[in-house]
């Protein structure tokens, strides 16, 4: 089967990581795979470096009105004899999805990675009735929101849940446990784009609470984004600039996870909190707000704690409990890795793609 993974996002995030991993997996399984991506983006670069056929594409919200672009993509799909295309962004769906339908591509799959309800617009009703043949959701919460504004938008039985995953073959557990000295501060880690959704302002508020509790700690925040200056200024104004380190983009997340004691994710919402799985796979206890897909990942009281959204006091209490109890951290960490291996193994989860492409309904989520 000739398969195209179409993702025009220039930035690098969970969706782009999934598309690259899916492309590499499907190549190994014998599919003829191409990746259509922004020529200046990390996905294009990484796919090219992996030896996967790439096509540079630039898609914007108004590209659906660019008939020359749609026709160019239509001709490319025909020439490459594409039999299936997996689309990432709503703008990709509007433009490349229509082009794929004009090219008579039999399998047009939309991967939804955001737990935000789809607008019940005329264009969306047309796309999901006339263009899309299958939907892949990255969590059950995302699946739920797809039909939230219109339960007739798309057949529910054709919405499949395929979780993001970790390749445990490259991640030996015996190398993951941090050696803790009593003289060292406890390290709380967090990772994500510095944006409103990721809600890192709460980490500064947490630092204020922990400082008042006379705890020896540091918070390491991995990631870049538009709110970096606001967050650093806020930590300075709150008197905890010496406690919160915004360390920027981290290339090696395994090393980052091995350097921390507890992982905290304060996001307002998550389509799928992949970084929680990374922390659990690294045998770290996790603390997150009880929102969107987080309960699908975190087993409250077993692999970590789920906290009522926005409640910094409860967040502080749960973090303090873990910081003060090494045995609890260890037991949560061990259980977290077990759960991650059971539910979020990359090879097993990506194998569901082959079932979807072959029309096997047994993998319906």
Foldseek 3Di string as FASTA:
>chain_A
DEEEEEEADQEDDDLLVQSLLLQVLVVVVPYQYEYEYAPNHPSQVVCVVVVHHYHHDHFDQCCLVVVVQLCVLLVVCLVSVHQEYEYEDPRCLSRNQVSCVVNVNPAYEYEDWDLAADDPDPSLLCSQVRGHDAYEAQFVSSLVRPCPVPVVSHDSLRYAHFHAFDACVVPDQVPQAADDDPVAAAEEEEEDAPDVQQPCLLVLVLQLVVVVVVGRYAYEYEHYYDCVVVSCVSSVVSPNNVRYHHPYHDPDVSVVLSVHAEYEGQGPEGSHPVVLLVNLLSLFAYEYAPHRRVVVQDDDPQQYHHHHHPPSVVVNVRVVVSVVDVVSGNRSSVRSSVSSVVPHHNSVSSVVVVCSVVVNSPRGD
